[in-house]
């Protein structure tokens, strides 16, 4: 089982990025995106379940959208209206007979 995360980068406040997490070795049932900022604990940002049901942290509600493309076995995190406090390493996570993490992708929001 491998989760390959991509799409991070440097963006100005108010900008947008789209993260992708492609799974191999499993068919995605549910997946979450977490993030970890320097000196802080890893926190759950968004999740998508079977049937497309979604959930979001209060801090990103209305700005981030999680979605899935089952044909590509990929989950996306569209991040709009980015703020400096969104700066973190973002990780995708799936529980499939145990925890599986992607390698992390850096998102930096700075002018």
C-alpha atoms as a PDB file:
ATOM      1  CA  UNK A   1       0.000   0.000   0.000  1.00  0.00           C
ATOM      2  CA  UNK A   2       1.379   3.378  -1.008  1.00  0.00           C
ATOM      3  CA  UNK A   3      -0.052   6.869  -0.762  1.00  0.00           C
ATOM      4  CA  UNK A   4       1.636   9.423  -2.989  1.00  0.00           C
ATOM      5  CA  UNK A   5       0.912  13.029  -2.064  1.00  0.00           C
ATOM      6  CA  UNK A   6       1.706  15.957  -4.334  1.00  0.00           C
ATOM      7  CA  UNK A   7       0.721  19.510  -5.166  1.00  0.00           C
ATOM      8  CA  UNK A   8       2.257  21.557  -2.386  1.00  0.00           C
ATOM      9  CA  UNK A   9       4.193  24.740  -2.943  1.00  0.00           C
ATOM     10  CA  UNK A  10       4.604  28.400  -2.127  1.00  0.00           C
ATOM     11  CA  UNK A  11       1.564  30.631  -2.579  1.00  0.00           C
ATOM     12  CA  UNK A  12       0.622  34.149  -1.551  1.00  0.00           C
ATOM     13  CA  UNK A  13      -2.132  34.796   0.984  1.00  0.00           C
ATOM     14  CA  UNK A  14      -5.486  34.524  -0.727  1.00  0.00           C
ATOM     15  CA  UNK A  15      -4.155  32.102  -3.298  1.00  0.00           C
ATOM     16  CA  UNK A  16      -5.095  28.520  -4.083  1.00  0.00           C
ATOM     17  CA  UNK A  17      -3.459  25.121  -4.298  1.00  0.00           C
ATOM     18  CA  UNK A  18      -4.753  21.648  -5.047  1.00  0.00           C
ATOM     19  CA  UNK A  19      -3.207  18.684  -3.309  1.00  0.00           C
ATOM     20  CA  UNK A  20      -3.509  15.156  -4.667  1.00  0.00           C
ATOM     21  CA  UNK A  21      -3.086  11.810  -2.989  1.00  0.00           C
ATOM     22  CA  UNK A  22      -2.960   8.771  -5.234  1.00  0.00           C
ATOM     23  CA  UNK A  23      -3.313   5.361  -3.645  1.00  0.00           C
ATOM     24  CA  UNK A  24      -1.786   2.197  -4.992  1.00  0.00           C
ATOM     25  CA  UNK A  25      -2.339  -1.272  -3.626  1.00  0.00           C
ATOM     26  CA  UNK A  26      -5.768  -0.435  -2.270  1.00  0.00           C
ATOM     27  CA  UNK A  27      -9.068   0.913  -3.491  1.00  0.00           C
ATOM     28  CA  UNK A  28      -9.867   4.020  -1.513  1.00  0.00           C
ATOM     29  CA  UNK A  29     -12.845   3.740   0.782  1.00  0.00           C
ATOM     30  CA  UNK A  30     -12.114   6.687   3.032  1.00  0.00           C
ATOM     31  CA  UNK A  31      -9.216   9.097   3.243  1.00  0.00           C
ATOM     32  CA  UNK A  32      -8.220  12.020   5.404  1.00  0.00           C
ATOM     33  CA  UNK A  33      -5.898  14.958   5.012  1.00  0.00           C
ATOM     34  CA  UNK A  34      -3.875  16.040   8.043  1.00  0.00           C
ATOM     35  CA  UNK A  35      -1.391  18.847   8.459  1.00  0.00           C
ATOM     36  CA  UNK A  36       1.438  19.603  10.828  1.00  0.00           C
ATOM     37  CA  UNK A  37       2.893  23.042  11.329  1.00  0.00           C
ATOM     38  CA  UNK A  38       6.311  23.564  12.960  1.00  0.00           C
ATOM     39  CA  UNK A  39       6.083  23.074  16.707  1.00  0.00           C
ATOM     40  CA  UNK A  40       2.455  21.944  16.565  1.00  0.00           C
ATOM     41  CA  UNK A  41       0.656  18.632  16.693  1.00  0.00           C
ATOM     42  CA  UNK A  42      -0.642  16.991  13.558  1.00  0.00           C
ATOM     43  CA  UNK A  43      -4.270  17.944  13.049  1.00  0.00           C
ATOM     44  CA  UNK A  44      -7.097  16.568  10.950  1.00  0.00           C
ATOM     45  CA  UNK A  45      -8.051  18.961   8.159  1.00  0.00           C
ATOM     46  CA  UNK A  46     -10.636  17.117   6.084  1.00  0.00           C
ATOM     47  CA  UNK A  47     -11.967  13.653   5.400  1.00  0.00           C
ATOM     48  CA  UNK A  48     -13.999  11.893   2.760  1.00  0.00           C
ATOM     49  CA  UNK A  49     -15.819   8.634   3.256  1.00  0.00           C
ATOM     50  CA  UNK A  50     -17.577   5.993   1.256  1.00  0.00           C
ATOM     51  CA  UNK A  51     -20.251   7.605  -0.845  1.00  0.00           C
ATOM     52  CA  UNK A  52     -18.464  10.950  -0.766  1.00  0.00           C
ATOM     53  CA  UNK A  53     -19.509  12.133   2.663  1.00  0.00           C
ATOM     54  CA  UNK A  54     -17.103  14.879   3.761  1.00  0.00           C
ATOM     55  CA  UNK A  55     -16.036  16.553   6.967  1.00  0.00           C
ATOM     56  CA  UNK A  56     -13.830  19.549   7.702  1.00  0.00           C
ATOM     57  CA  UNK A  57     -12.008  21.231  10.530  1.00  0.00           C
ATOM     58  CA  UNK A  58     -13.634  24.500  11.564  1.00  0.00           C
ATOM     59  CA  UNK A  59     -10.495  26.386  10.561  1.00  0.00           C
ATOM     60  CA  UNK A  60     -10.825  25.382   6.888  1.00  0.00           C
ATOM     61  CA  UNK A  61     -14.600  25.130   6.497  1.00  0.00           C
ATOM     62  CA  UNK A  62     -15.748  27.053   3.450  1.00  0.00           C
ATOM     63  CA  UNK A  63     -12.208  27.397   2.070  1.00  0.00           C
ATOM     64  CA  UNK A  64     -11.079  23.803   1.506  1.00  0.00           C
ATOM     65  CA  UNK A  65     -12.859  21.118  -0.470  1.00  0.00           C
ATOM     66  CA  UNK A  66     -12.013  17.428  -0.394  1.00  0.00           C
ATOM     67  CA  UNK A  67     -13.070  15.259  -3.310  1.00  0.00           C
ATOM     68  CA  UNK A  68     -12.332  11.895  -4.850  1.00  0.00           C
ATOM     69  CA  UNK A  69     -11.896  10.348  -8.263  1.00  0.00           C
ATOM     70  CA  UNK A  70     -12.389   6.624  -7.815  1.00  0.00           C
ATOM     71  CA  UNK A  71     -11.368   5.891 -11.399  1.00  0.00           C
ATOM     72  CA  UNK A  72      -7.956   7.365 -10.622  1.00  0.00           C
ATOM     73  CA  UNK A  73      -7.903   6.111  -7.018  1.00  0.00           C
ATOM     74  CA  UNK A  74      -7.064   9.661  -6.023  1.00  0.00           C
ATOM     75  CA  UNK A  75      -8.301  12.089  -3.407  1.00  0.00           C
ATOM     76  CA  UNK A  76      -7.893  15.838  -3.817  1.00  0.00           C
ATOM     77  CA  UNK A  77      -7.808  18.758  -1.418  1.00  0.00           C
ATOM     78  CA  UNK A  78      -8.664  22.041  -3.090  1.00  0.00           C
ATOM     79  CA  UNK A  79      -7.457  24.872  -0.896  1.00  0.00           C
ATOM     80  CA  UNK A  80      -8.714  28.376  -1.585  1.00  0.00           C
ATOM     81  CA  UNK A  81      -8.323  31.700   0.239  1.00  0.00           C
ATOM     82  CA  UNK A  82      -5.136  30.414   1.804  1.00  0.00           C
ATOM     83  CA  UNK A  83      -3.824  32.098   4.933  1.00  0.00           C
ATOM     84  CA  UNK A  84      -0.337  32.156   6.471  1.00  0.00           C
ATOM     85  CA  UNK A  85      -1.655  29.946   9.264  1.00  0.00           C
ATOM     86  CA  UNK A  86      -2.359  27.222   6.683  1.00  0.00           C
ATOM     87  CA  UNK A  87       1.404  26.798   6.290  1.00  0.00           C
ATOM     88  CA  UNK A  88       2.248  23.199   7.183  1.00  0.00           C
ATOM     89  CA  UNK A  89       3.254  19.840   5.837  1.00  0.00           C
ATOM     90  CA  UNK A  90       0.112  18.138   4.579  1.00  0.00           C
ATOM     91  CA  UNK A  91      -0.292  14.374   4.808  1.00  0.00           C
ATOM     92  CA  UNK A  92      -2.892  12.048   3.386  1.00  0.00           C
ATOM     93  CA  UNK A  93      -3.991   9.112   5.511  1.00  0.00           C
ATOM     94  CA  UNK A  94      -5.965   5.951   4.938  1.00  0.00           C
ATOM     95  CA  UNK A  95      -6.875   3.177   7.336  1.00  0.00           C
ATOM     96  CA  UNK A  96      -6.738  -0.090   5.422  1.00  0.00           C
ATOM     97  CA  UNK A  97      -5.950  -3.010   7.694  1.00  0.00           C
ATOM     98  CA  UNK A  98      -3.805  -0.527   9.567  1.00  0.00           C
ATOM     99  CA  UNK A  99      -2.698   3.095   9.214  1.00  0.00           C
ATOM    100  CA  UNK A 100      -1.088   4.301   6.001  1.00  0.00           C
ATOM    101  CA  UNK A 101       0.410   7.766   5.532  1.00  0.00           C
ATOM    102  CA  UNK A 102       1.555   9.612   2.466  1.00  0.00           C
ATOM    103  CA  UNK A 103       5.003  11.171   2.506  1.00  0.00           C
ATOM    104  CA  UNK A 104       3.798  14.735   3.117  1.00  0.00           C
ATOM    105  CA  UNK A 105       3.825  17.779   0.898  1.00  0.00           C
ATOM    106  CA  UNK A 106       4.876  21.240   2.062  1.00  0.00           C
ATOM    107  CA  UNK A 107       2.426  24.120   1.753  1.00  0.00           C
ATOM    108  CA  UNK A 108       3.804  27.576   2.462  1.00  0.00           C
ATOM    109  CA  UNK A 109       1.556  30.630   2.433  1.00  0.00           C
ATOM    110  CA  UNK A 110       3.607  33.793   2.482  1.00  0.00           C
ATOM    111  CA  UNK A 111       3.920  37.114   0.737  1.00  0.00           C
END
